[in-house]
N, C-alpha and C. Protein backbone atom coordinates (compact mmCIF):
# COMPACT_ATOMS: atom_id res chain seq x y z
N UNK A 1 -10.03 14.71 -30.11
CA UNK A 1 -9.01 13.82 -29.59
C UNK A 1 -9.10 12.47 -30.30
N UNK A 2 -7.98 11.83 -30.48
CA UNK A 2 -7.98 10.54 -31.18
C UNK A 2 -8.65 9.45 -30.35
N UNK A 3 -9.06 8.41 -31.03
CA UNK A 3 -9.80 7.33 -30.38
C UNK A 3 -8.96 6.59 -29.36
N UNK A 4 -7.65 6.46 -29.61
CA UNK A 4 -6.80 5.71 -28.68
C UNK A 4 -6.62 6.45 -27.36
N UNK A 5 -6.75 7.78 -27.36
CA UNK A 5 -6.70 8.54 -26.12
C UNK A 5 -7.90 8.18 -25.24
N UNK A 6 -9.07 8.11 -25.85
CA UNK A 6 -10.27 7.76 -25.10
C UNK A 6 -10.18 6.33 -24.57
N UNK A 7 -9.63 5.43 -25.37
CA UNK A 7 -9.45 4.05 -24.94
C UNK A 7 -8.51 3.97 -23.74
N UNK A 8 -7.42 4.69 -23.83
CA UNK A 8 -6.46 4.72 -22.73
C UNK A 8 -7.10 5.32 -21.47
N UNK A 9 -7.85 6.37 -21.63
CA UNK A 9 -8.54 7.01 -20.50
C UNK A 9 -9.52 6.06 -19.84
N UNK A 10 -10.26 5.32 -20.63
CA UNK A 10 -11.22 4.34 -20.09
C UNK A 10 -10.48 3.24 -19.34
N UNK A 11 -9.38 2.77 -19.89
CA UNK A 11 -8.60 1.71 -19.24
C UNK A 11 -8.04 2.20 -17.91
N UNK A 12 -7.52 3.41 -17.88
CA UNK A 12 -6.96 3.95 -16.64
C UNK A 12 -8.05 4.10 -15.58
N UNK A 13 -9.17 4.71 -15.92
CA UNK A 13 -10.25 4.88 -14.95
C UNK A 13 -10.80 3.53 -14.49
N UNK A 14 -10.92 2.60 -15.41
CA UNK A 14 -11.38 1.27 -15.04
C UNK A 14 -10.43 0.58 -14.09
N UNK A 15 -9.14 0.76 -14.31
CA UNK A 15 -8.14 0.17 -13.43
C UNK A 15 -8.22 0.77 -12.03
N UNK A 16 -8.32 2.08 -11.94
CA UNK A 16 -8.42 2.73 -10.64
C UNK A 16 -9.70 2.32 -9.92
N UNK A 17 -10.80 2.33 -10.62
CA UNK A 17 -12.07 1.95 -10.01
C UNK A 17 -12.06 0.49 -9.57
N UNK A 18 -11.51 -0.38 -10.39
CA UNK A 18 -11.42 -1.79 -10.02
C UNK A 18 -10.55 -2.01 -8.80
N UNK A 19 -9.45 -1.27 -8.71
CA UNK A 19 -8.58 -1.38 -7.55
C UNK A 19 -9.27 -0.91 -6.28
N UNK A 20 -10.00 0.19 -6.37
CA UNK A 20 -10.73 0.69 -5.21
C UNK A 20 -11.82 -0.29 -4.76
N UNK A 21 -12.51 -0.88 -5.69
CA UNK A 21 -13.55 -1.85 -5.34
C UNK A 21 -12.94 -3.10 -4.71
N UNK A 22 -11.80 -3.54 -5.23
CA UNK A 22 -11.13 -4.71 -4.65
C UNK A 22 -10.65 -4.40 -3.24
N UNK A 23 -10.14 -3.20 -3.02
CA UNK A 23 -9.69 -2.79 -1.69
C UNK A 23 -10.86 -2.75 -0.72
N UNK A 24 -12.00 -2.23 -1.16
CA UNK A 24 -13.18 -2.17 -0.31
C UNK A 24 -13.65 -3.58 0.07
N UNK A 25 -13.62 -4.49 -0.88
CA UNK A 25 -14.07 -5.85 -0.60
C UNK A 25 -13.11 -6.58 0.33
N UNK A 26 -11.82 -6.23 0.27
CA UNK A 26 -10.83 -6.91 1.10
C UNK A 26 -10.81 -6.39 2.53
N UNK A 27 -11.34 -5.19 2.75
CA UNK A 27 -11.33 -4.62 4.10
C UNK A 27 -12.36 -5.33 4.96
N UNK A 28 -11.92 -5.78 6.13
CA UNK A 28 -12.80 -6.50 7.03
C UNK A 28 -12.70 -5.89 8.41
N UNK A 29 -13.77 -5.96 9.16
CA UNK A 29 -13.73 -5.51 10.54
C UNK A 29 -13.01 -6.55 11.38
N UNK A 30 -12.33 -6.06 12.40
CA UNK A 30 -11.65 -6.97 13.30
C UNK A 30 -12.65 -7.57 14.29
N UNK A 31 -12.67 -8.87 14.41
CA UNK A 31 -13.60 -9.49 15.37
C UNK A 31 -13.03 -9.37 16.79
N UNK A 32 -13.47 -8.36 17.53
CA UNK A 32 -12.98 -8.14 18.88
C UNK A 32 -14.05 -8.58 19.89
N UNK A 33 -13.57 -9.09 20.99
CA UNK A 33 -14.49 -9.47 22.05
C UNK A 33 -14.87 -8.22 22.85
N UNK A 34 -15.87 -8.36 23.69
CA UNK A 34 -16.31 -7.24 24.51
C UNK A 34 -15.20 -6.80 25.46
N UNK A 35 -14.42 -7.76 25.96
CA UNK A 35 -13.33 -7.42 26.88
C UNK A 35 -12.25 -6.60 26.16
N UNK A 36 -11.94 -6.99 24.94
CA UNK A 36 -10.93 -6.27 24.17
C UNK A 36 -11.40 -4.85 23.86
N UNK A 37 -12.67 -4.71 23.49
CA UNK A 37 -13.20 -3.38 23.21
C UNK A 37 -13.16 -2.51 24.46
N UNK A 38 -13.49 -3.08 25.61
CA UNK A 38 -13.47 -2.32 26.85
C UNK A 38 -12.04 -1.88 27.20
N UNK A 39 -11.06 -2.77 26.99
CA UNK A 39 -9.67 -2.40 27.26
C UNK A 39 -9.22 -1.27 26.34
N UNK A 40 -9.65 -1.31 25.08
CA UNK A 40 -9.30 -0.26 24.12
C UNK A 40 -9.92 1.06 24.56
N UNK A 41 -11.18 1.04 24.96
CA UNK A 41 -11.84 2.26 25.41
C UNK A 41 -11.15 2.82 26.66
N UNK A 42 -10.78 1.94 27.58
CA UNK A 42 -10.12 2.37 28.81
C UNK A 42 -8.76 2.99 28.50
N UNK A 43 -8.01 2.35 27.62
CA UNK A 43 -6.69 2.87 27.24
C UNK A 43 -6.83 4.22 26.55
N UNK A 44 -7.82 4.38 25.68
CA UNK A 44 -8.03 5.67 25.02
C UNK A 44 -8.40 6.75 26.03
N UNK A 45 -9.23 6.41 27.00
CA UNK A 45 -9.61 7.38 28.03
C UNK A 45 -8.39 7.79 28.85
N UNK A 46 -7.52 6.82 29.18
CA UNK A 46 -6.31 7.14 29.93
C UNK A 46 -5.38 8.05 29.13
N UNK A 47 -5.23 7.77 27.85
CA UNK A 47 -4.37 8.61 27.01
C UNK A 47 -4.94 10.01 26.85
N UNK A 48 -6.27 10.12 26.70
CA UNK A 48 -6.90 11.43 26.60
C UNK A 48 -6.69 12.22 27.88
N UNK A 49 -6.85 11.57 29.03
CA UNK A 49 -6.64 12.25 30.31
C UNK A 49 -5.19 12.70 30.45
N UNK A 50 -4.26 11.87 30.02
CA UNK A 50 -2.84 12.22 30.10
C UNK A 50 -2.53 13.41 29.20
N UNK A 51 -3.11 13.43 28.00
CA UNK A 51 -2.89 14.55 27.09
C UNK A 51 -3.47 15.84 27.66
N UNK A 52 -4.67 15.77 28.24
CA UNK A 52 -5.28 16.95 28.84
C UNK A 52 -4.43 17.47 30.00
N UNK A 53 -3.88 16.54 30.78
CA UNK A 53 -3.06 16.94 31.92
C UNK A 53 -1.79 17.64 31.44
N UNK A 54 -1.18 17.13 30.36
CA UNK A 54 0.04 17.72 29.83
C UNK A 54 -0.22 19.09 29.21
N UNK A 55 -1.37 19.26 28.57
CA UNK A 55 -1.70 20.54 27.93
C UNK A 55 -2.13 21.57 28.96
N UNK A 56 -2.86 21.14 29.97
CA UNK A 56 -3.45 22.08 30.92
C UNK A 56 -2.55 22.33 32.04
């Protein structure tokens, strides 16, 4: 294969890898309080119970 094919391949892989690394660095956890986490857990439990009731 010609040299420019390998150069293009390296550039493409480098671009994809760089984008993935930038995305990983930009991802942050949401700072939730204990009350918010508890409300989320309660809402999920209610939805699970509702789904079980509808299926069963």
